[in-house]
Amino acid sequence: MAYATLQQLKDYLKVINSCAFTADASANTLTLAGVKLAADLVTGVAVHVANSGGALPGGLAASTVYYVIAVADQVIKLATSSANAAAGTAIDLTSAGTGTHTIYKAVRDDDLLEDLLDRVSKRIDTHCGGRRFSANTETRYYAVDALDPDGYTLWVDEDLLTVTTLTNGDSDETTIPDTEYWLLPRNTTPKYAIRLKIDSNYAWEWDPDGWVAVAGTWGYSTTAPDDVVQACIEWAAYAYQLKDSQVFDVTAYPDSGVIMVPKGIPAHVKLALANYVRLV
């Protein structure tokens, strides 16, 4: 399960590749208000348009893919297909529209992006010591070596959120009621241990081939924390942008002006995940 959605990643990629424009219906042109995208808006590039208020220029619709016809620096036309863009067949802008218009480089590699989100989510789990940031219902089994020397505390090997059924390791597979134990730590989640109460009538048992069975909800949290979601988005965006990079894993030399492409996990993503790394 990915910790961020495809739409969140696409929104993030759009935000860093956008600029405002004004429309000229008489010339069917769009004049960009900034230079952020100017160099990238060559013939055939796919884009989206949006509006923060009012209406888009007549002939344009939000959530639709258009293709750039390169006219001049910061002045472009749009076409409804890459073939039309190559042929110079522009959309007829019947009006200039109102409000503030924005143009985005379109991200259409949905299958690739979803795959990256899944892969990055698994890498986050690995980086954080095998921790999972989603809830999973299952039964896990423990032998006597999971018992603390105090004789009361059973340590579990995964983050634990809730216990549905606790079954002792005796041959009768006795169910231990939830009134007979505490989940530790008491004040925070996830939990790491199950401790029988001092005055409990139950004791941990392991008959031959017996296992203590803990059925419940496992994971760090039911949904990924905001920091983990953002880390997933930024790491997936970094991985996606590498496909267009001409250099990989370059070490920076600030004095000489060399641009750094971070090795492995981006440094800012690693910092965001620092508090979630599981200490075993």
C-alpha atoms as a PDB file:
ATOM      1  CA  MET A   1       0.000   0.000   0.000  1.00  0.00           C
ATOM      2  CA  ALA A   2       1.442   3.347  -1.058  1.00  0.00           C
ATOM      3  CA  TYR A   3       1.659   6.061   1.587  1.00  0.00           C
ATOM      4  CA  ALA A   4       0.719   8.823  -0.847  1.00  0.00           C
ATOM      5  CA  THR A   5      -1.821   8.938  -3.644  1.00  0.00           C
ATOM      6  CA  LEU A   6      -1.219   9.358  -7.346  1.00  0.00           C
ATOM      7  CA  GLN A   7      -3.081  12.663  -7.255  1.00  0.00           C
ATOM      8  CA  GLN A   8      -0.907  13.976  -4.415  1.00  0.00           C
ATOM      9  CA  LEU A   9       2.226  13.155  -6.402  1.00  0.00           C
ATOM     10  CA  LYS A  10       0.852  14.682  -9.603  1.00  0.00           C
ATOM     11  CA  ASP A  11      -0.170  17.820  -7.715  1.00  0.00           C
ATOM     12  CA  TYR A  12       3.337  18.059  -6.271  1.00  0.00           C
ATOM     13  CA  LEU A  13       4.956  17.674  -9.674  1.00  0.00           C
ATOM     14  CA  LYS A  14       2.652  20.334 -11.098  1.00  0.00           C
ATOM     15  CA  VAL A  15       3.384  22.829  -8.345  1.00  0.00           C
ATOM     16  CA  ILE A  16       7.071  22.902  -9.162  1.00  0.00           C
ATOM     17  CA  ASN A  17       6.393  23.167 -12.905  1.00  0.00           C
ATOM     18  CA  SER A  18       3.892  25.960 -13.310  1.00  0.00           C
ATOM     19  CA  CYS A  19       3.503  29.599 -14.259  1.00  0.00           C
ATOM     20  CA  ALA A  20       0.692  32.078 -14.829  1.00  0.00           C
ATOM     21  CA  PHE A  21      -0.422  33.260 -18.256  1.00  0.00           C
ATOM     22  CA  THR A  22      -2.785  35.699 -19.923  1.00  0.00           C
ATOM     23  CA  ALA A  23      -4.763  34.890 -23.057  1.00  0.00           C
ATOM     24  CA  ASP A  24      -5.199  36.870 -26.260  1.00  0.00           C
ATOM     25  CA  ALA A  25      -8.343  35.598 -27.977  1.00  0.00           C
ATOM     26  CA  SER A  26      -7.731  37.604 -31.133  1.00  0.00           C
ATOM     27  CA  ALA A  27      -4.341  35.972 -31.727  1.00  0.00           C
ATOM     28  CA  ASN A  28      -5.155  32.649 -29.978  1.00  0.00           C
ATOM     29  CA  THR A  29      -1.954  33.027 -27.980  1.00  0.00           C
ATOM     30  CA  LEU A  30      -0.990  32.622 -24.342  1.00  0.00           C
ATOM     31  CA  THR A  31       1.584  34.999 -22.844  1.00  0.00           C
ATOM     32  CA  LEU A  32       3.434  33.555 -19.861  1.00  0.00           C
ATOM     33  CA  ALA A  33       3.816  35.808 -16.839  1.00  0.00           C
ATOM     34  CA  GLY A  34       7.007  34.081 -15.674  1.00  0.00           C
ATOM     35  CA  VAL A  35      10.007  32.351 -17.178  1.00  0.00           C
ATOM     36  CA  LYS A  36       9.940  29.203 -15.072  1.00  0.00           C
ATOM     37  CA  LEU A  37       8.615  27.011 -17.862  1.00  0.00           C
ATOM     38  CA  ALA A  38       9.599  29.029 -20.919  1.00  0.00           C
ATOM     39  CA  ALA A  39      12.609  26.914 -21.863  1.00  0.00           C
ATOM     40  CA  ASP A  40      10.647  23.671 -21.475  1.00  0.00           C
ATOM     41  CA  LEU A  41       7.555  24.633 -23.456  1.00  0.00           C
ATOM     42  CA  VAL A  42       8.702  23.432 -26.845  1.00  0.00           C
ATOM     43  CA  THR A  43       6.510  22.048 -29.588  1.00  0.00           C
ATOM     44  CA  GLY A  44       4.695  18.863 -28.564  1.00  0.00           C
ATOM     45  CA  VAL A  45       5.081  19.208 -24.774  1.00  0.00           C
ATOM     46  CA  ALA A  46       1.925  18.138 -22.931  1.00  0.00           C
ATOM     47  CA  VAL A  47       0.387  20.643 -20.499  1.00  0.00           C
ATOM     48  CA  HIS A  48      -2.675  21.239 -18.346  1.00  0.00           C
ATOM     49  CA  VAL A  49      -4.377  24.571 -17.679  1.00  0.00           C
ATOM     50  CA  ALA A  50      -6.113  25.701 -14.509  1.00  0.00           C
ATOM     51  CA  ASN A  51      -7.850  28.765 -13.113  1.00  0.00           C
ATOM     52  CA  SER A  52      -7.943  30.202  -9.600  1.00  0.00           C
ATOM     53  CA  GLY A  53     -11.111  32.189 -10.211  1.00  0.00           C
ATOM     54  CA  GLY A  54     -13.393  33.111 -13.066  1.00  0.00           C
ATOM     55  CA  ALA A  55     -13.365  31.206 -16.355  1.00  0.00           C
ATOM     56  CA  LEU A  56     -10.661  29.777 -18.568  1.00  0.00           C
ATOM     57  CA  PRO A  57     -10.217  31.236 -22.033  1.00  0.00           C
ATOM     58  CA  GLY A  58     -12.883  29.930 -24.391  1.00  0.00           C
ATOM     59  CA  GLY A  59     -11.647  26.761 -26.074  1.00  0.00           C
ATOM     60  CA  LEU A  60      -9.734  25.536 -22.996  1.00  0.00           C
ATOM     61  CA  ALA A  61     -10.961  23.208 -20.263  1.00  0.00           C
ATOM     62  CA  ALA A  62      -9.404  22.158 -16.960  1.00  0.00           C
ATOM     63  CA  SER A  63      -8.179  18.565 -16.472  1.00  0.00           C
ATOM     64  CA  THR A  64      -7.598  18.217 -20.224  1.00  0.00           C
ATOM     65  CA  VAL A  65      -4.259  17.485 -21.852  1.00  0.00           C
ATOM     66  CA  TYR A  66      -3.117  20.030 -24.447  1.00  0.00           C
ATOM     67  CA  TYR A  67       0.022  20.254 -26.546  1.00  0.00           C
ATOM     68  CA  VAL A  68       2.278  23.238 -27.017  1.00  0.00           C
ATOM     69  CA  ILE A  69       2.844  24.984 -30.328  1.00  0.00           C
ATOM     70  CA  ALA A  70       6.034  26.947 -29.802  1.00  0.00           C
ATOM     71  CA  VAL A  71       5.393  30.453 -31.168  1.00  0.00           C
ATOM     72  CA  ALA A  72       7.991  32.657 -29.503  1.00  0.00           C
ATOM     73  CA  ASP A  73       9.703  33.081 -26.169  1.00  0.00           C
ATOM     74  CA  GLN A  74       6.970  33.152 -23.486  1.00  0.00           C
ATOM     75  CA  VAL A  75       4.211  33.426 -26.121  1.00  0.00           C
ATOM     76  CA  ILE A  76       2.658  30.087 -27.106  1.00  0.00           C
ATOM     77  CA  LYS A  77      -0.377  28.471 -28.655  1.00  0.00           C
ATOM     78  CA  LEU A  78      -2.012  25.194 -27.659  1.00  0.00           C
ATOM     79  CA  ALA A  79      -3.330  22.300 -29.732  1.00  0.00           C
ATOM     80  CA  THR A  80      -5.630  19.384 -28.914  1.00  0.00           C
ATOM     81  CA  SER A  81      -3.148  16.723 -30.054  1.00  0.00           C
ATOM     82  CA  SER A  82       0.568  16.291 -30.612  1.00  0.00           C
ATOM     83  CA  ALA A  83      -0.144  15.968 -34.353  1.00  0.00           C
ATOM     84  CA  ASN A  84      -1.989  19.300 -34.341  1.00  0.00           C
ATOM     85  CA  ALA A  85       0.873  20.851 -32.417  1.00  0.00           C
ATOM     86  CA  ALA A  86       3.358  19.669 -35.036  1.00  0.00           C
ATOM     87  CA  ALA A  87       1.070  20.972 -37.783  1.00  0.00           C
ATOM     88  CA  GLY A  88       0.619  24.317 -36.041  1.00  0.00           C
ATOM     89  CA  THR A  89      -3.161  23.907 -35.710  1.00  0.00           C
ATOM     90  CA  ALA A  90      -4.055  25.999 -32.657  1.00  0.00           C
ATOM     91  CA  ILE A  91      -7.130  25.984 -30.439  1.00  0.00           C
ATOM     92  CA  ASP A  92      -9.496  28.826 -31.217  1.00  0.00           C
ATOM     93  CA  LEU A  93      -9.623  30.953 -28.057  1.00  0.00           C
ATOM     94  CA  THR A  94     -13.042  32.541 -28.400  1.00  0.00           C
ATOM     95  CA  SER A  95     -12.494  34.708 -25.307  1.00  0.00           C
ATOM     96  CA  ALA A  96      -9.688  35.750 -23.002  1.00  0.00           C
ATOM     97  CA  GLY A  97     -11.453  34.458 -19.884  1.00  0.00           C
ATOM     98  CA  THR A  98     -11.236  35.965 -16.407  1.00  0.00           C
ATOM     99  CA  GLY A  99      -9.279  35.272 -13.243  1.00  0.00           C
ATOM    100  CA  THR A 100      -5.711  34.024 -12.911  1.00  0.00           C
ATOM    101  CA  HIS A 101      -4.763  31.252 -15.331  1.00  0.00           C
ATOM    102  CA  THR A 102      -1.958  28.750 -14.726  1.00  0.00           C
ATOM    103  CA  ILE A 103      -0.223  26.363 -17.084  1.00  0.00           C
ATOM    104  CA  TYR A 104       1.375  23.117 -15.865  1.00  0.00           C
ATOM    105  CA  LYS A 105       3.585  20.584 -17.515  1.00  0.00           C
ATOM    106  CA  ALA A 106       1.330  17.552 -17.755  1.00  0.00           C
ATOM    107  CA  VAL A 107       2.415  14.363 -16.061  1.00  0.00           C
ATOM    108  CA  ARG A 108       0.842  11.474 -17.938  1.00  0.00           C
ATOM    109  CA  ASP A 109       3.005   8.569 -16.779  1.00  0.00           C
ATOM    110  CA  ASP A 110       0.387   7.373 -14.310  1.00  0.00           C
ATOM    111  CA  ASP A 111       1.480   3.717 -14.320  1.00  0.00           C
ATOM    112  CA  LEU A 112       5.097   4.712 -13.717  1.00  0.00           C
ATOM    113  CA  LEU A 113       4.130   7.139 -10.953  1.00  0.00           C
ATOM    114  CA  GLU A 114       1.961   4.577  -9.171  1.00  0.00           C
ATOM    115  CA  ASP A 115       4.781   2.038  -9.390  1.00  0.00           C
ATOM    116  CA  LEU A 116       7.226   4.571  -7.935  1.00  0.00           C
ATOM    117  CA  LEU A 117       4.861   5.339  -5.053  1.00  0.00           C
ATOM    118  CA  ASP A 118       4.593   1.623  -4.232  1.00  0.00           C
ATOM    119  CA  ARG A 119       8.345   1.094  -4.462  1.00  0.00           C
ATOM    120  CA  VAL A 120       9.179   4.192  -2.424  1.00  0.00           C
ATOM    121  CA  SER A 121       6.683   3.189   0.274  1.00  0.00           C
ATOM    122  CA  LYS A 122       8.475  -0.157   0.621  1.00  0.00           C
ATOM    123  CA  ARG A 123      11.829   1.632   0.742  1.00  0.00           C
ATOM    124  CA  ILE A 124      10.503   3.857   3.516  1.00  0.00           C
ATOM    125  CA  ASP A 125       9.532   0.719   5.454  1.00  0.00           C
ATOM    126  CA  THR A 126      13.049  -0.671   5.008  1.00  0.00           C
ATOM    127  CA  HIS A 127      14.735   2.620   5.902  1.00  0.00           C
ATOM    128  CA  CYS A 128      12.646   2.824   9.085  1.00  0.00           C
ATOM    129  CA  GLY A 129      13.742  -0.618  10.276  1.00  0.00           C
ATOM    130  CA  GLY A 130      10.931  -2.685   8.802  1.00  0.00           C
ATOM    131  CA  ARG A 131       8.241  -0.413  10.198  1.00  0.00           C
ATOM    132  CA  ARG A 132       4.874  -0.223   8.397  1.00  0.00           C
ATOM    133  CA  PHE A 133       2.808   2.956   8.361  1.00  0.00           C
ATOM    134  CA  SER A 134      -0.532   1.292   7.737  1.00  0.00           C
ATOM    135  CA  ALA A 135      -2.746  -1.054   9.737  1.00  0.00           C
ATOM    136  CA  ASN A 136      -2.614  -4.778   9.005  1.00  0.00           C
ATOM    137  CA  THR A 137      -4.847  -7.356  10.681  1.00  0.00           C
ATOM    138  CA  GLU A 138      -3.107 -10.667  11.324  1.00  0.00           C
ATOM    139  CA  THR A 139      -2.128 -13.247  13.931  1.00  0.00           C
ATOM    140  CA  ARG A 140       1.521 -13.458  14.975  1.00  0.00           C
ATOM    141  CA  TYR A 141       3.087 -16.266  17.019  1.00  0.00           C
ATOM    142  CA  TYR A 142       5.724 -16.174  19.767  1.00  0.00           C
ATOM    143  CA  ALA A 143       7.918 -18.774  21.409  1.00  0.00           C
ATOM    144  CA  VAL A 144       9.282 -18.716  24.946  1.00  0.00           C
ATOM    145  CA  ASP A 145      12.345 -16.719  23.851  1.00  0.00           C
ATOM    146  CA  ALA A 146      10.056 -13.677  23.484  1.00  0.00           C
ATOM    147  CA  LEU A 147       9.421 -13.700  27.233  1.00  0.00           C
ATOM    148  CA  ASP A 148      11.230 -11.104  29.331  1.00  0.00           C
ATOM    149  CA  PRO A 149      13.271 -12.418  32.292  1.00  0.00           C
ATOM    150  CA  ASP A 150      10.701 -10.789  34.610  1.00  0.00           C
ATOM    151  CA  GLY A 151       8.298 -13.569  33.627  1.00  0.00           C
ATOM    152  CA  TYR A 152       5.415 -11.166  32.974  1.00  0.00           C
ATOM    153  CA  THR A 153       6.313  -9.313  29.762  1.00  0.00           C
ATOM    154  CA  LEU A 154       6.059 -10.729  26.254  1.00  0.00           C
ATOM    155  CA  TRP A 155       7.953  -8.680  23.647  1.00  0.00           C
ATOM    156  CA  VAL A 156       6.493  -8.576  20.136  1.00  0.00           C
ATOM    157  CA  ASP A 157       8.513  -8.193  16.941  1.00  0.00           C
ATOM    158  CA  GLU A 158       6.222  -5.721  15.126  1.00  0.00           C
ATOM    159  CA  ASP A 159       4.528  -2.447  16.016  1.00  0.00           C
ATOM    160  CA  LEU A 160       1.223  -3.340  17.675  1.00  0.00           C
ATOM    161  CA  LEU A 161      -1.878  -1.136  17.724  1.00  0.00           C
ATOM    162  CA  THR A 162      -4.628  -3.315  19.220  1.00  0.00           C
ATOM    163  CA  VAL A 163      -5.136  -6.901  20.384  1.00  0.00           C
ATOM    164  CA  THR A 164      -8.275  -8.753  19.360  1.00  0.00           C
ATOM    165  CA  THR A 165      -7.477 -12.159  20.879  1.00  0.00           C
ATOM    166  CA  LEU A 166      -4.539 -13.268  23.022  1.00  0.00           C
ATOM    167  CA  THR A 167      -4.098 -17.057  23.121  1.00  0.00           C
ATOM    168  CA  ASN A 168      -1.729 -18.746  25.552  1.00  0.00           C
ATOM    169  CA  GLY A 169       0.759 -21.383  24.415  1.00  0.00           C
ATOM    170  CA  ASP A 170      -0.743 -24.243  26.406  1.00  0.00           C
ATOM    171  CA  SER A 171      -2.224 -27.315  24.728  1.00  0.00           C
ATOM    172  CA  ASP A 172      -5.759 -26.049  25.449  1.00  0.00           C
ATOM    173  CA  GLU A 173      -4.994 -22.754  23.665  1.00  0.00           C
ATOM    174  CA  THR A 174      -6.479 -20.774  26.521  1.00  0.00           C
ATOM    175  CA  THR A 175      -7.696 -17.262  25.705  1.00  0.00           C
ATOM    176  CA  ILE A 176      -6.323 -14.622  28.072  1.00  0.00           C
ATOM    177  CA  PRO A 177      -8.944 -11.900  28.692  1.00  0.00           C
ATOM    178  CA  ASP A 178      -7.970  -8.273  28.037  1.00  0.00           C
ATOM    179  CA  THR A 179      -8.610  -7.532  31.721  1.00  0.00           C
ATOM    180  CA  GLU A 180      -5.540  -9.609  32.594  1.00  0.00           C
ATOM    181  CA  TYR A 181      -2.828  -7.680  30.759  1.00  0.00           C
ATOM    182  CA  TRP A 182      -1.524  -4.288  29.726  1.00  0.00           C
ATOM    183  CA  LEU A 183      -0.141  -3.211  26.367  1.00  0.00           C
ATOM    184  CA  LEU A 184       3.164  -1.371  26.748  1.00  0.00           C
ATOM    185  CA  PRO A 185       3.975   1.457  26.653  1.00  0.00           C
ATOM    186  CA  ARG A 186       0.749   2.541  28.317  1.00  0.00           C
ATOM    187  CA  ASN A 187       0.619   6.156  27.085  1.00  0.00           C
ATOM    188  CA  THR A 188       1.762   5.958  23.469  1.00  0.00           C
ATOM    189  CA  THR A 189       1.321   3.915  20.345  1.00  0.00           C
ATOM    190  CA  PRO A 190       2.499   1.723  18.796  1.00  0.00           C
ATOM    191  CA  LYS A 191       2.887  -0.944  21.477  1.00  0.00           C
ATOM    192  CA  TYR A 192       5.958  -3.142  21.855  1.00  0.00           C
ATOM    193  CA  ALA A 193       5.011  -5.605  24.585  1.00  0.00           C
ATOM    194  CA  ILE A 194       2.182  -7.365  26.426  1.00  0.00           C
ATOM    195  CA  ARG A 195       2.548  -7.511  30.204  1.00  0.00           C
ATOM    196  CA  LEU A 196       0.424  -9.743  32.416  1.00  0.00           C
ATOM    197  CA  LYS A 197      -0.871  -7.986  35.511  1.00  0.00           C
ATOM    198  CA  ILE A 198       0.920  -8.853  38.723  1.00  0.00           C
ATOM    199  CA  ASP A 199      -2.307 -10.104  40.303  1.00  0.00           C
ATOM    200  CA  SER A 200      -3.451 -12.008  37.197  1.00  0.00           C
ATOM    201  CA  ASN A 201      -4.616 -15.599  37.543  1.00  0.00           C
ATOM    202  CA  TYR A 202      -2.895 -16.328  34.224  1.00  0.00           C
ATOM    203  CA  ALA A 203       0.743 -17.093  33.475  1.00  0.00           C
ATOM    204  CA  TRP A 204       2.519 -17.462  30.146  1.00  0.00           C
ATOM    205  CA  GLU A 205       2.689 -21.109  29.114  1.00  0.00           C
ATOM    206  CA  TRP A 206       4.393 -23.027  26.321  1.00  0.00           C
ATOM    207  CA  ASP A 207       3.466 -26.695  26.062  1.00  0.00           C
ATOM    208  CA  PRO A 208       5.395 -28.787  23.490  1.00  0.00           C
ATOM    209  CA  ASP A 209       4.889 -27.230  20.058  1.00  0.00           C
ATOM    210  CA  GLY A 210       2.875 -24.476  21.708  1.00  0.00           C
ATOM    211  CA  TRP A 211       2.955 -20.824  20.664  1.00  0.00           C
ATOM    212  CA  VAL A 212       1.462 -17.708  22.169  1.00  0.00           C
ATOM    213  CA  ALA A 213      -0.787 -16.264  19.455  1.00  0.00           C
ATOM    214  CA  VAL A 214      -1.482 -12.541  19.236  1.00  0.00           C
ATOM    215  CA  ALA A 215      -4.343 -11.641  16.887  1.00  0.00           C
ATOM    216  CA  GLY A 216      -4.746  -7.939  16.348  1.00  0.00           C
ATOM    217  CA  THR A 217      -3.986  -4.828  14.343  1.00  0.00           C
ATOM    218  CA  TRP A 218      -0.328  -4.287  13.566  1.00  0.00           C
ATOM    219  CA  GLY A 219       1.527  -1.251  12.252  1.00  0.00           C
ATOM    220  CA  TYR A 220       2.913   2.076  13.380  1.00  0.00           C
ATOM    221  CA  SER A 221      -0.430   3.788  12.739  1.00  0.00           C
ATOM    222  CA  THR A 222      -3.675   3.178  10.889  1.00  0.00           C
ATOM    223  CA  THR A 223      -2.696   5.801   8.302  1.00  0.00           C
ATOM    224  CA  ALA A 224       0.714   7.222   7.479  1.00  0.00           C
ATOM    225  CA  PRO A 225       1.703  10.393   9.406  1.00  0.00           C
ATOM    226  CA  ASP A 226       1.891  13.630   7.409  1.00  0.00           C
ATOM    227  CA  ASP A 227       5.714  13.578   7.472  1.00  0.00           C
ATOM    228  CA  VAL A 228       5.758  10.090   5.960  1.00  0.00           C
ATOM    229  CA  VAL A 229       3.225  11.048   3.278  1.00  0.00           C
ATOM    230  CA  GLN A 230       5.297  14.082   2.296  1.00  0.00           C
ATOM    231  CA  ALA A 231       8.505  12.035   2.320  1.00  0.00           C
ATOM    232  CA  CYS A 232       6.866   9.486   0.019  1.00  0.00           C
ATOM    233  CA  ILE A 233       5.751  12.220  -2.393  1.00  0.00           C
ATOM    234  CA  GLU A 234       9.132  13.938  -2.485  1.00  0.00           C
ATOM    235  CA  TRP A 235      11.121  10.711  -2.844  1.00  0.00           C
ATOM    236  CA  ALA A 236       8.844   9.453  -5.644  1.00  0.00           C
ATOM    237  CA  ALA A 237       9.066  12.838  -7.402  1.00  0.00           C
ATOM    238  CA  TYR A 238      12.867  12.708  -7.137  1.00  0.00           C
ATOM    239  CA  ALA A 239      12.912   9.189  -8.609  1.00  0.00           C
ATOM    240  CA  TYR A 240      10.592  10.252 -11.419  1.00  0.00           C
ATOM    241  CA  GLN A 241      12.718  13.246 -12.346  1.00  0.00           C
ATOM    242  CA  LEU A 242      15.867  11.111 -12.488  1.00  0.00           C
ATOM    243  CA  LYS A 243      14.643   9.619 -15.750  1.00  0.00           C
ATOM    244  CA  ASP A 244      15.267  12.970 -17.446  1.00  0.00           C
ATOM    245  CA  SER A 245      18.547  13.685 -15.664  1.00  0.00           C
ATOM    246  CA  GLN A 246      21.833  13.621 -17.551  1.00  0.00           C
ATOM    247  CA  VAL A 247      23.880  12.893 -14.435  1.00  0.00           C
ATOM    248  CA  PHE A 248      23.390  10.610 -11.463  1.00  0.00           C
ATOM    249  CA  ASP A 249      24.793  10.549  -7.936  1.00  0.00           C
ATOM    250  CA  VAL A 250      27.102  13.525  -8.402  1.00  0.00           C
ATOM    251  CA  THR A 251      28.886  14.754  -5.303  1.00  0.00           C
ATOM    252  CA  ALA A 252      28.644  18.518  -4.808  1.00  0.00           C
ATOM    253  CA  TYR A 253      31.615  20.843  -4.700  1.00  0.00           C
ATOM    254  CA  PRO A 254      30.034  24.185  -3.705  1.00  0.00           C
ATOM    255  CA  ASP A 255      33.141  26.258  -4.417  1.00  0.00           C
ATOM    256  CA  SER A 256      33.266  25.072  -8.011  1.00  0.00           C
ATOM    257  CA  GLY A 257      29.516  25.379  -8.557  1.00  0.00           C
ATOM    258  CA  VAL A 258      28.879  21.673  -9.224  1.00  0.00           C
ATOM    259  CA  ILE A 259      25.195  20.748  -8.888  1.00  0.00           C
ATOM    260  CA  MET A 260      24.509  17.800  -6.610  1.00  0.00           C
ATOM    261  CA  VAL A 261      22.117  14.976  -7.361  1.00  0.00           C
ATOM    262  CA  PRO A 262      21.791  13.213  -3.958  1.00  0.00           C
ATOM    263  CA  LYS A 263      22.951   9.613  -3.662  1.00  0.00           C
ATOM    264  CA  GLY A 264      20.289   7.105  -2.677  1.00  0.00           C
ATOM    265  CA  ILE A 265      17.600   8.559  -0.435  1.00  0.00           C
ATOM    266  CA  PRO A 266      17.448  12.369  -0.788  1.00  0.00           C
ATOM    267  CA  ALA A 267      18.865  14.113   2.280  1.00  0.00           C
ATOM    268  CA  HIS A 268      15.701  16.104   3.045  1.00  0.00           C
ATOM    269  CA  VAL A 269      13.597  12.910   2.863  1.00  0.00           C
ATOM    270  CA  LYS A 270      16.005  11.116   5.206  1.00  0.00           C
ATOM    271  CA  LEU A 271      15.719  14.003   7.662  1.00  0.00           C
ATOM    272  CA  ALA A 272      11.905  13.914   7.537  1.00  0.00           C
ATOM    273  CA  LEU A 273      11.948  10.186   8.376  1.00  0.00           C
ATOM    274  CA  ALA A 274      14.570  10.415  11.131  1.00  0.00           C
ATOM    275  CA  ASN A 275      12.036  10.323  13.994  1.00  0.00           C
ATOM    276  CA  TYR A 276      10.303   7.241  12.555  1.00  0.00           C
ATOM    277  CA  VAL A 277      13.288   4.901  12.303  1.00  0.00           C
ATOM    278  CA  ARG A 278      12.625   1.892  14.486  1.00  0.00           C
ATOM    279  CA  LEU A 279      15.315   1.156  17.040  1.00  0.00           C
ATOM    280  CA  VAL A 280      15.511  -2.599  17.544  1.00  0.00           C
END
